[in-house]
């Protein structure tokens, strides 16, 4: 009935799939960490920029 599902009797056939899964998970975590660091850096730059603009506006008054 379910011939499209393949569950090997020899469980050692799962090892390459697990290794690949671990590699991709580590890569995904690394990329998310990289995006997080870049986002925080951009947030600081924008905050400083708008802080300077707000200070200019308050000085002009």
N, C-alpha and C. Protein backbone atom coordinates (compact mmCIF):
# COMPACT_ATOMS: atom_id res chain seq x y z
N UNK A 1 0.81 -1.19 0.00
CA UNK A 1 0.00 0.00 0.00
C UNK A 1 0.85 1.26 0.00
N UNK A 2 1.84 1.34 0.89
CA UNK A 2 2.68 2.54 0.95
C UNK A 2 4.08 2.21 0.46
N UNK A 3 4.20 1.87 -0.80
CA UNK A 3 5.50 1.51 -1.33
C UNK A 3 6.43 2.72 -1.48
N UNK A 4 5.87 3.94 -1.50
CA UNK A 4 6.71 5.12 -1.68
C UNK A 4 7.50 5.45 -0.41
N UNK A 5 7.12 4.92 0.73
CA UNK A 5 7.88 5.13 1.96
C UNK A 5 8.96 4.05 2.06
N UNK A 6 10.17 4.50 2.37
CA UNK A 6 11.28 3.57 2.45
C UNK A 6 11.93 3.71 3.82
N UNK A 7 11.82 2.70 4.64
CA UNK A 7 12.47 2.67 5.93
C UNK A 7 13.47 1.52 5.90
N UNK A 8 14.76 1.85 5.82
CA UNK A 8 15.75 0.78 5.68
C UNK A 8 15.88 -0.07 6.95
N UNK A 9 16.12 -1.32 6.74
CA UNK A 9 16.36 -2.22 7.86
C UNK A 9 17.71 -1.91 8.51
N UNK A 10 18.69 -1.57 7.66
CA UNK A 10 20.02 -1.22 8.15
C UNK A 10 20.01 0.26 8.54
N UNK A 11 20.03 0.52 9.83
CA UNK A 11 19.91 1.90 10.32
C UNK A 11 21.14 2.75 10.01
N UNK A 12 22.22 2.15 9.57
CA UNK A 12 23.41 2.93 9.23
C UNK A 12 23.17 3.78 7.97
N UNK A 13 22.13 3.49 7.24
CA UNK A 13 21.81 4.31 6.07
C UNK A 13 21.28 5.68 6.47
N UNK A 14 20.91 5.85 7.73
CA UNK A 14 20.45 7.15 8.22
C UNK A 14 21.60 8.11 8.50
N UNK A 15 22.80 7.59 8.69
CA UNK A 15 23.95 8.40 9.10
C UNK A 15 24.24 9.56 8.12
N UNK A 16 24.32 9.34 6.81
CA UNK A 16 24.57 10.47 5.91
C UNK A 16 23.47 11.54 5.98
N UNK A 17 22.24 11.12 6.14
CA UNK A 17 21.14 12.09 6.24
C UNK A 17 21.26 12.91 7.51
N UNK A 18 21.63 12.27 8.61
CA UNK A 18 21.78 12.99 9.87
C UNK A 18 22.95 13.96 9.80
N UNK A 19 24.04 13.53 9.20
CA UNK A 19 25.20 14.42 9.05
C UNK A 19 24.83 15.64 8.20
N UNK A 20 24.13 15.42 7.11
CA UNK A 20 23.70 16.52 6.25
C UNK A 20 22.76 17.46 7.01
N UNK A 21 21.83 16.90 7.75
CA UNK A 21 20.90 17.71 8.54
C UNK A 21 21.65 18.57 9.54
N UNK A 22 22.62 18.00 10.24
CA UNK A 22 23.40 18.75 11.23
C UNK A 22 24.17 19.87 10.56
N UNK A 23 24.79 19.59 9.42
CA UNK A 23 25.55 20.63 8.71
C UNK A 23 24.65 21.79 8.31
N UNK A 24 23.47 21.48 7.76
CA UNK A 24 22.56 22.54 7.35
C UNK A 24 22.00 23.31 8.55
N UNK A 25 21.75 22.63 9.65
CA UNK A 25 21.26 23.32 10.85
C UNK A 25 22.31 24.27 11.40
N UNK A 26 23.56 23.83 11.44
CA UNK A 26 24.64 24.71 11.90
C UNK A 26 24.77 25.91 10.98
N UNK A 27 24.67 25.67 9.66
CA UNK A 27 24.72 26.78 8.71
C UNK A 27 23.57 27.75 8.89
N UNK A 28 22.37 27.24 9.12
CA UNK A 28 21.21 28.11 9.32
C UNK A 28 21.37 28.95 10.59
N UNK A 29 21.87 28.34 11.66
CA UNK A 29 22.09 29.07 12.91
C UNK A 29 23.15 30.15 12.71
N UNK A 30 24.21 29.82 11.98
CA UNK A 30 25.27 30.80 11.73
C UNK A 30 24.75 31.98 10.92
N UNK A 31 23.94 31.71 9.92
CA UNK A 31 23.39 32.79 9.08
C UNK A 31 22.44 33.67 9.91
N UNK A 32 21.60 33.05 10.74
CA UNK A 32 20.70 33.84 11.59
C UNK A 32 21.49 34.71 12.56
N UNK A 33 22.56 34.19 13.13
CA UNK A 33 23.40 34.97 14.04
C UNK A 33 24.05 36.13 13.29
N UNK A 34 24.52 35.87 12.07
CA UNK A 34 25.13 36.91 11.25
C UNK A 34 24.11 38.01 10.95
N UNK A 35 22.89 37.64 10.54
CA UNK A 35 21.84 38.63 10.27
C UNK A 35 21.52 39.44 11.53
N UNK A 36 21.50 38.78 12.68
CA UNK A 36 21.20 39.46 13.93
C UNK A 36 22.27 40.51 14.24
N UNK A 37 23.54 40.14 14.08
CA UNK A 37 24.62 41.09 14.34
C UNK A 37 24.55 42.27 13.40
N UNK A 38 24.32 42.04 12.10
CA UNK A 38 24.23 43.12 11.13
C UNK A 38 23.04 44.02 11.45
N UNK A 39 21.92 43.44 11.84
CA UNK A 39 20.73 44.21 12.17
C UNK A 39 20.98 45.11 13.37
N UNK A 40 21.62 44.59 14.39
CA UNK A 40 21.93 45.41 15.57
C UNK A 40 22.87 46.55 15.22
N UNK A 41 23.83 46.29 14.36
CA UNK A 41 24.77 47.34 13.94
C UNK A 41 24.02 48.43 13.17
N UNK A 42 23.15 48.05 12.25
CA UNK A 42 22.36 49.04 11.50
C UNK A 42 21.44 49.82 12.42
N UNK A 43 20.88 49.15 13.43
CA UNK A 43 20.01 49.83 14.38
C UNK A 43 20.77 50.91 15.13
N UNK A 44 21.98 50.61 15.56
CA UNK A 44 22.80 51.61 16.26
C UNK A 44 23.11 52.80 15.36
N UNK A 45 23.45 52.53 14.09
CA UNK A 45 23.77 53.61 13.16
C UNK A 45 22.55 54.51 12.95
N UNK A 46 21.40 53.92 12.75
CA UNK A 46 20.17 54.71 12.53
C UNK A 46 19.81 55.50 13.78
N UNK A 47 19.93 54.89 14.96
CA UNK A 47 19.64 55.61 16.20
C UNK A 47 20.56 56.82 16.35
N UNK A 48 21.84 56.65 16.07
CA UNK A 48 22.77 57.77 16.17
C UNK A 48 22.43 58.86 15.16
N UNK A 49 22.06 58.47 13.95
CA UNK A 49 21.72 59.44 12.91
C UNK A 49 20.51 60.27 13.32
N UNK A 50 19.45 59.60 13.77
CA UNK A 50 18.25 60.34 14.15
C UNK A 50 18.46 61.12 15.44
N UNK A 51 19.30 60.64 16.31
CA UNK A 51 19.60 61.39 17.53
C UNK A 51 20.27 62.70 17.17
N UNK A 52 21.21 62.67 16.22
CA UNK A 52 21.88 63.90 15.79
C UNK A 52 20.89 64.84 15.12
N UNK A 53 19.98 64.30 14.31
CA UNK A 53 18.99 65.15 13.65
C UNK A 53 18.04 65.78 14.66
N UNK A 54 17.65 65.04 15.69
CA UNK A 54 16.78 65.59 16.71
C UNK A 54 17.49 66.68 17.51
N UNK A 55 18.79 66.49 17.77
CA UNK A 55 19.56 67.50 18.47
C UNK A 55 19.68 68.76 17.63
N UNK A 56 19.86 68.62 16.30
CA UNK A 56 19.92 69.79 15.42
C UNK A 56 18.61 70.57 15.46
N UNK A 57 17.50 69.85 15.39
CA UNK A 57 16.19 70.51 15.41
C UNK A 57 15.95 71.24 16.72
N UNK A 58 16.36 70.66 17.83
CA UNK A 58 16.15 71.31 19.11
C UNK A 58 17.08 72.53 19.27
N UNK A 59 18.27 72.48 18.66
CA UNK A 59 19.18 73.62 18.71
C UNK A 59 18.68 74.78 17.85
N UNK A 60 18.00 74.46 16.75
CA UNK A 60 17.51 75.48 15.85
C UNK A 60 16.36 76.28 16.47
N UNK A 61 15.68 75.73 17.40
CA UNK A 61 14.52 76.42 18.01
C UNK A 61 14.92 77.45 18.96
